[in-house]
Amino acid sequence: MARKSRGFRTRTRRKLRQKVRPSITKFLQEFRKGQKVIILPEPSSHRGMPHPRFKGKSGKIIEKRGRSYLVEILDGNKVKKIIARPEHLKKI
């Protein structure tokens, strides 16, 4: 018997449902160091998508890495650093 797949997007049918078609400006937005953002994964873009458990978390931009950004969030009592592309982030 084959083992059941436990991929990155398992059990996320409702979580990663697309409401409206995204505009191109969402993919081209720029952020500054220290700017506050919310992590909202864009379902149509798989690249640079943070894990669904971080959906709705807010944090601040630490640095830029290529096309992506390093975001520092507080998860419980731990400070975590997440790499995400700009289409998965929203300014506060």
N, C-alpha and C. Protein backbone atom coordinates (compact mmCIF):
# COMPACT_ATOMS: atom_id res chain seq x y z
N MET A 1 0.84 -1.19 0.00
CA MET A 1 0.00 0.00 0.00
C MET A 1 0.89 1.25 0.00
N ALA A 2 0.51 2.21 -0.79
CA ALA A 2 1.28 3.45 -0.88
C ALA A 2 0.95 4.37 0.29
N ARG A 3 1.92 5.16 0.67
CA ARG A 3 1.74 6.11 1.75
C ARG A 3 0.99 7.34 1.25
N LYS A 4 0.15 7.92 2.12
CA LYS A 4 -0.60 9.12 1.75
C LYS A 4 0.33 10.33 1.68
N SER A 5 0.14 11.14 0.64
CA SER A 5 0.97 12.33 0.45
C SER A 5 0.66 13.39 1.50
N ARG A 6 1.68 13.99 2.04
CA ARG A 6 1.54 15.09 3.00
C ARG A 6 2.30 16.29 2.47
N GLY A 7 1.85 16.81 1.34
CA GLY A 7 2.54 17.92 0.69
C GLY A 7 2.32 19.25 1.39
N PHE A 8 2.92 20.27 0.81
CA PHE A 8 2.91 21.62 1.36
C PHE A 8 1.50 22.21 1.42
N ARG A 9 0.65 21.85 0.44
CA ARG A 9 -0.68 22.46 0.36
C ARG A 9 -1.81 21.50 0.72
N THR A 10 -1.53 20.43 1.46
CA THR A 10 -2.59 19.51 1.85
C THR A 10 -3.55 20.19 2.81
N ARG A 11 -4.84 19.89 2.67
CA ARG A 11 -5.91 20.42 3.51
C ARG A 11 -5.99 21.95 3.50
N THR A 12 -5.75 22.57 2.35
CA THR A 12 -5.81 24.03 2.28
C THR A 12 -6.82 24.50 1.23
N ARG A 13 -7.79 23.67 0.89
CA ARG A 13 -8.76 24.04 -0.14
C ARG A 13 -9.51 25.32 0.22
N ARG A 14 -9.94 25.45 1.44
CA ARG A 14 -10.66 26.67 1.85
C ARG A 14 -9.70 27.78 2.23
N LYS A 15 -8.58 27.41 2.84
CA LYS A 15 -7.61 28.39 3.30
C LYS A 15 -7.00 29.19 2.16
N LEU A 16 -6.68 28.50 1.06
CA LEU A 16 -6.01 29.16 -0.07
C LEU A 16 -6.95 29.37 -1.25
N ARG A 17 -8.23 29.59 -0.97
CA ARG A 17 -9.19 29.86 -2.03
C ARG A 17 -8.98 31.28 -2.56
N GLN A 18 -9.05 31.43 -3.88
CA GLN A 18 -8.82 32.73 -4.50
C GLN A 18 -10.13 33.50 -4.61
N LYS A 19 -10.16 34.71 -4.07
CA LYS A 19 -11.37 35.53 -4.08
C LYS A 19 -11.53 36.24 -5.43
N VAL A 20 -10.53 37.01 -5.81
CA VAL A 20 -10.56 37.75 -7.08
C VAL A 20 -9.24 37.56 -7.80
N ARG A 21 -9.23 37.82 -9.08
CA ARG A 21 -8.00 37.72 -9.86
C ARG A 21 -7.05 38.84 -9.45
N PRO A 22 -5.80 38.53 -9.13
CA PRO A 22 -4.88 39.56 -8.66
C PRO A 22 -4.41 40.46 -9.80
N SER A 23 -4.13 41.72 -9.45
CA SER A 23 -3.59 42.64 -10.44
C SER A 23 -2.07 42.52 -10.46
N ILE A 24 -1.47 42.96 -11.54
CA ILE A 24 -0.01 42.85 -11.71
C ILE A 24 0.74 43.72 -10.70
N THR A 25 0.11 44.78 -10.20
CA THR A 25 0.77 45.66 -9.24
C THR A 25 1.07 44.95 -7.93
N LYS A 26 0.28 43.94 -7.61
CA LYS A 26 0.51 43.17 -6.38
C LYS A 26 1.85 42.43 -6.45
N PHE A 27 2.22 42.00 -7.66
CA PHE A 27 3.47 41.27 -7.85
C PHE A 27 4.67 42.21 -7.93
N LEU A 28 4.43 43.49 -8.23
CA LEU A 28 5.51 44.45 -8.43
C LEU A 28 5.70 45.42 -7.26
N GLN A 29 4.94 45.25 -6.17
CA GLN A 29 5.04 46.19 -5.06
C GLN A 29 6.40 46.09 -4.36
N GLU A 30 6.84 47.21 -3.83
CA GLU A 30 8.12 47.31 -3.15
C GLU A 30 7.89 47.63 -1.68
N PHE A 31 8.78 47.14 -0.81
CA PHE A 31 8.72 47.41 0.60
C PHE A 31 10.05 47.96 1.08
N ARG A 32 10.01 48.75 2.14
CA ARG A 32 11.22 49.30 2.74
C ARG A 32 11.58 48.50 4.00
N LYS A 33 12.82 48.60 4.39
CA LYS A 33 13.28 47.94 5.62
C LYS A 33 12.57 48.57 6.82
N GLY A 34 12.03 47.74 7.70
CA GLY A 34 11.32 48.21 8.89
C GLY A 34 9.84 48.43 8.69
N GLN A 35 9.34 48.24 7.47
CA GLN A 35 7.92 48.45 7.18
C GLN A 35 7.09 47.28 7.70
N LYS A 36 5.90 47.59 8.25
CA LYS A 36 5.00 46.57 8.79
C LYS A 36 4.17 45.97 7.66
N VAL A 37 4.04 44.63 7.66
CA VAL A 37 3.28 43.92 6.64
C VAL A 37 2.45 42.80 7.27
N ILE A 38 1.44 42.33 6.52
CA ILE A 38 0.64 41.17 6.89
C ILE A 38 0.91 40.09 5.86
N ILE A 39 1.04 38.85 6.30
CA ILE A 39 1.26 37.73 5.38
C ILE A 39 -0.09 37.19 4.93
N LEU A 40 -0.38 37.36 3.64
CA LEU A 40 -1.60 36.86 3.02
C LEU A 40 -1.21 36.11 1.75
N PRO A 41 -1.09 34.78 1.79
CA PRO A 41 -0.65 34.02 0.62
C PRO A 41 -1.56 34.19 -0.60
N GLU A 42 -0.95 34.41 -1.75
CA GLU A 42 -1.67 34.53 -3.03
C GLU A 42 -1.70 33.14 -3.65
N PRO A 43 -2.87 32.49 -3.75
CA PRO A 43 -2.96 31.10 -4.22
C PRO A 43 -2.50 30.88 -5.66
N SER A 44 -2.57 31.90 -6.50
CA SER A 44 -2.21 31.71 -7.91
C SER A 44 -0.69 31.67 -8.11
N SER A 45 0.07 32.12 -7.12
CA SER A 45 1.53 32.12 -7.21
C SER A 45 2.10 31.17 -6.17
N HIS A 46 2.74 30.11 -6.62
CA HIS A 46 3.27 29.11 -5.69
C HIS A 46 4.68 29.46 -5.22
N ARG A 47 5.41 30.21 -6.03
CA ARG A 47 6.80 30.54 -5.70
C ARG A 47 6.86 31.56 -4.57
N GLY A 48 7.71 31.30 -3.61
CA GLY A 48 7.90 32.23 -2.50
C GLY A 48 6.72 32.32 -1.57
N MET A 49 5.87 31.29 -1.56
CA MET A 49 4.69 31.31 -0.69
C MET A 49 5.07 30.81 0.70
N PRO A 50 4.79 31.61 1.75
CA PRO A 50 5.05 31.13 3.10
C PRO A 50 4.07 30.03 3.48
N HIS A 51 4.38 29.26 4.49
CA HIS A 51 3.52 28.17 4.93
C HIS A 51 2.15 28.70 5.34
N PRO A 52 1.07 27.98 5.04
CA PRO A 52 -0.28 28.45 5.38
C PRO A 52 -0.50 28.73 6.86
N ARG A 53 0.31 28.17 7.75
CA ARG A 53 0.12 28.43 9.18
C ARG A 53 0.43 29.89 9.54
N PHE A 54 1.16 30.60 8.66
CA PHE A 54 1.51 31.99 8.93
C PHE A 54 0.52 32.98 8.31
N LYS A 55 -0.58 32.49 7.74
CA LYS A 55 -1.59 33.36 7.11
C LYS A 55 -2.19 34.30 8.16
N GLY A 56 -2.21 35.59 7.85
CA GLY A 56 -2.78 36.59 8.74
C GLY A 56 -1.83 37.14 9.78
N LYS A 57 -0.63 36.60 9.87
CA LYS A 57 0.34 37.09 10.85
C LYS A 57 0.96 38.39 10.37
N SER A 58 1.25 39.29 11.28
CA SER A 58 1.89 40.55 10.92
C SER A 58 3.32 40.55 11.41
N GLY A 59 4.15 41.28 10.71
CA GLY A 59 5.55 41.37 11.07
C GLY A 59 6.18 42.57 10.39
N LYS A 60 7.51 42.63 10.44
CA LYS A 60 8.18 43.74 9.78
C LYS A 60 9.27 43.22 8.86
N ILE A 61 9.55 44.00 7.83
CA ILE A 61 10.54 43.65 6.83
C ILE A 61 11.93 43.84 7.43
N ILE A 62 12.76 42.82 7.33
CA ILE A 62 14.13 42.88 7.83
C ILE A 62 15.10 43.23 6.71
N GLU A 63 14.97 42.53 5.57
CA GLU A 63 15.85 42.77 4.44
C GLU A 63 15.22 42.22 3.17
N LYS A 64 15.86 42.54 2.04
CA LYS A 64 15.42 42.02 0.76
C LYS A 64 16.41 40.97 0.31
N ARG A 65 15.89 39.83 -0.19
CA ARG A 65 16.74 38.74 -0.69
C ARG A 65 16.30 38.42 -2.10
N GLY A 66 17.02 38.93 -3.07
CA GLY A 66 16.64 38.74 -4.46
C GLY A 66 15.31 39.42 -4.71
N ARG A 67 14.31 38.67 -5.16
CA ARG A 67 12.96 39.23 -5.36
C ARG A 67 12.11 39.12 -4.11
N SER A 68 12.57 38.37 -3.13
CA SER A 68 11.80 38.11 -1.91
C SER A 68 12.21 39.03 -0.77
N TYR A 69 11.43 38.96 0.31
CA TYR A 69 11.70 39.75 1.50
C TYR A 69 11.78 38.83 2.71
N LEU A 70 12.62 39.20 3.66
CA LEU A 70 12.74 38.49 4.92
C LEU A 70 11.85 39.21 5.92
N VAL A 71 10.84 38.51 6.43
CA VAL A 71 9.87 39.10 7.36
C VAL A 71 10.05 38.46 8.72
N GLU A 72 10.11 39.28 9.76
CA GLU A 72 10.25 38.79 11.12
C GLU A 72 8.90 38.87 11.81
N ILE A 73 8.40 37.72 12.30
CA ILE A 73 7.11 37.67 12.99
C ILE A 73 7.28 37.08 14.38
N LEU A 74 6.28 37.29 15.21
CA LEU A 74 6.26 36.70 16.54
C LEU A 74 5.25 35.57 16.51
N ASP A 75 5.71 34.33 16.70
CA ASP A 75 4.85 33.15 16.69
C ASP A 75 4.88 32.55 18.08
N GLY A 76 3.86 32.87 18.88
CA GLY A 76 3.87 32.47 20.29
C GLY A 76 4.90 33.32 21.01
N ASN A 77 5.89 32.68 21.60
CA ASN A 77 6.97 33.40 22.28
C ASN A 77 8.24 33.45 21.45
N LYS A 78 8.21 32.87 20.25
CA LYS A 78 9.41 32.81 19.41
C LYS A 78 9.36 33.85 18.30
N VAL A 79 10.52 34.39 17.98
CA VAL A 79 10.65 35.28 16.83
C VAL A 79 11.08 34.41 15.66
N LYS A 80 10.30 34.44 14.57
CA LYS A 80 10.61 33.63 13.39
C LYS A 80 10.84 34.52 12.20
N LYS A 81 11.70 34.05 11.31
CA LYS A 81 12.00 34.78 10.08
C LYS A 81 11.46 33.98 8.91
N ILE A 82 10.67 34.64 8.07
CA ILE A 82 10.01 34.00 6.95
C ILE A 82 10.42 34.69 5.66
N ILE A 83 10.73 33.91 4.65
CA ILE A 83 11.06 34.44 3.34
C ILE A 83 9.81 34.37 2.47
N ALA A 84 9.38 35.51 1.93
CA ALA A 84 8.16 35.56 1.12
C ALA A 84 8.32 36.56 -0.01
N ARG A 85 7.68 36.26 -1.13
CA ARG A 85 7.67 37.19 -2.26
C ARG A 85 6.63 38.28 -2.02
N PRO A 86 6.74 39.41 -2.73
CA PRO A 86 5.86 40.55 -2.45
C PRO A 86 4.37 40.30 -2.68
N GLU A 87 3.99 39.36 -3.57
CA GLU A 87 2.57 39.11 -3.81
C GLU A 87 1.88 38.46 -2.61
N HIS A 88 2.67 37.93 -1.68
CA HIS A 88 2.12 37.28 -0.50
C HIS A 88 2.12 38.21 0.72
N LEU A 89 2.49 39.48 0.51
CA LEU A 89 2.57 40.44 1.59
C LEU A 89 1.64 41.62 1.31
N LYS A 90 1.15 42.26 2.39
CA LYS A 90 0.28 43.41 2.26
C LYS A 90 0.72 44.47 3.27
N LYS A 91 0.80 45.72 2.84
CA LYS A 91 1.20 46.82 3.73
C LYS A 91 0.13 47.07 4.77
N ILE A 92 0.59 47.48 5.97
CA ILE A 92 -0.35 47.85 7.03
C ILE A 92 -0.49 49.36 7.02
